[in-house]
Amino acid sequence: MANFASDQCFTWNNELSRDENFHQWYCLNTSERESWGEKPHPQRLAEAIFDRQYGQVKLPVIGRFRQRTRILNRLFPLDQTA
């Protein structure tokens, strides 16, 4: 059974840098995943997911990350109208 408190939710803080916001999000995401018995995302994958969710895309597109990038593009398509 999960111990993660459902009221723990990440909210972007404009007073923090992107890296500081990512760190807060990653800590919450890791805590939630571990409470469900899942492994935390590797940091590079977590950063790609974070950037997709919060509109600052910095996805790696070479080597072993090319396939992950394609998968993320399908899961989180960019809004082309913005």
Protein backbone atom coordinates (compact mmCIF):
# COMPACT_ATOMS: atom_id res chain seq x y z
CA MET A 1 0.00 0.00 0.00
CA ALA A 2 1.26 3.44 -0.91
CA ASN A 3 2.24 5.97 1.74
CA PHE A 4 2.48 8.91 -0.64
CA ALA A 5 0.20 11.78 0.44
CA SER A 6 -2.06 12.63 -2.49
CA ASP A 7 -2.07 16.29 -1.45
CA GLN A 8 1.63 16.54 -2.32
CA CYS A 9 1.51 18.16 -5.73
CA PHE A 10 4.16 20.05 -7.64
CA THR A 11 3.40 23.66 -8.52
CA TRP A 12 5.77 25.69 -10.67
CA ASN A 13 7.36 28.52 -8.70
CA ASN A 14 8.30 31.52 -10.87
CA GLU A 15 10.72 32.73 -8.19
CA LEU A 16 12.85 29.61 -8.63
CA SER A 17 15.07 28.63 -11.53
CA ARG A 18 14.14 25.82 -13.88
CA ASP A 19 16.70 23.61 -12.11
CA GLU A 20 15.28 24.39 -8.67
CA ASN A 21 11.74 23.66 -9.91
CA PHE A 22 12.98 20.43 -11.48
CA HIS A 23 14.60 19.37 -8.21
CA GLN A 24 11.35 19.90 -6.29
CA TRP A 25 9.34 18.04 -8.94
CA TYR A 26 11.87 15.20 -9.07
CA CYS A 27 11.81 14.73 -5.29
CA LEU A 28 8.01 14.52 -5.29
CA ASN A 29 7.95 12.25 -8.35
CA THR A 30 10.56 9.95 -6.84
CA SER A 31 8.68 9.78 -3.54
CA GLU A 32 5.45 8.91 -5.32
CA ARG A 33 7.06 6.26 -7.52
CA GLU A 34 8.83 4.64 -4.55
CA SER A 35 5.59 4.59 -2.54
CA TRP A 36 4.08 2.47 -5.32
CA GLY A 37 7.09 0.15 -5.41
CA GLU A 38 8.47 1.65 -8.64
CA LYS A 39 12.03 2.73 -9.31
CA PRO A 40 12.70 6.45 -9.75
CA HIS A 41 13.24 7.64 -13.30
CA PRO A 42 16.88 8.10 -14.31
CA GLN A 43 17.63 11.82 -14.13
CA ARG A 44 17.94 12.36 -17.90
CA LEU A 45 14.58 10.73 -18.56
CA ALA A 46 13.02 12.62 -15.65
CA GLU A 47 14.33 15.91 -17.05
CA ALA A 48 12.84 15.12 -20.44
CA ILE A 49 9.46 14.35 -18.88
CA PHE A 50 9.64 17.50 -16.74
CA ASP A 51 10.56 19.68 -19.70
CA ARG A 52 7.69 18.24 -21.73
CA GLN A 53 5.18 18.84 -18.94
CA TYR A 54 6.34 22.37 -18.24
CA GLY A 55 7.06 23.58 -21.76
CA GLN A 56 10.83 23.91 -21.67
CA VAL A 57 11.88 21.15 -23.99
CA LYS A 58 15.51 20.12 -23.82
CA LEU A 59 15.30 16.54 -25.00
CA PRO A 60 18.41 14.56 -25.86
CA VAL A 61 18.14 13.29 -29.42
CA ILE A 62 21.30 11.25 -29.91
CA GLY A 63 22.39 7.75 -29.10
CA ARG A 64 20.34 5.67 -26.72
CA PHE A 65 17.98 8.57 -25.94
CA ARG A 66 16.65 8.80 -29.51
CA GLN A 67 14.10 6.04 -28.88
CA ARG A 68 13.02 7.58 -25.56
CA THR A 69 12.60 10.93 -27.31
CA ARG A 70 10.30 9.36 -29.90
CA ILE A 71 8.26 7.69 -27.16
CA LEU A 72 7.99 10.96 -25.22
CA ASN A 73 6.96 12.79 -28.40
CA ARG A 74 4.08 10.35 -28.80
CA LEU A 75 3.07 10.51 -25.14
CA PHE A 76 3.45 14.28 -24.75
CA PRO A 77 2.99 15.94 -28.15
CA LEU A 78 4.07 19.56 -28.37
CA ASP A 79 1.35 22.15 -28.84
CA GLN A 80 2.11 23.42 -32.35
CA THR A 81 -0.34 26.33 -32.04
CA ALA A 82 1.63 28.18 -29.33
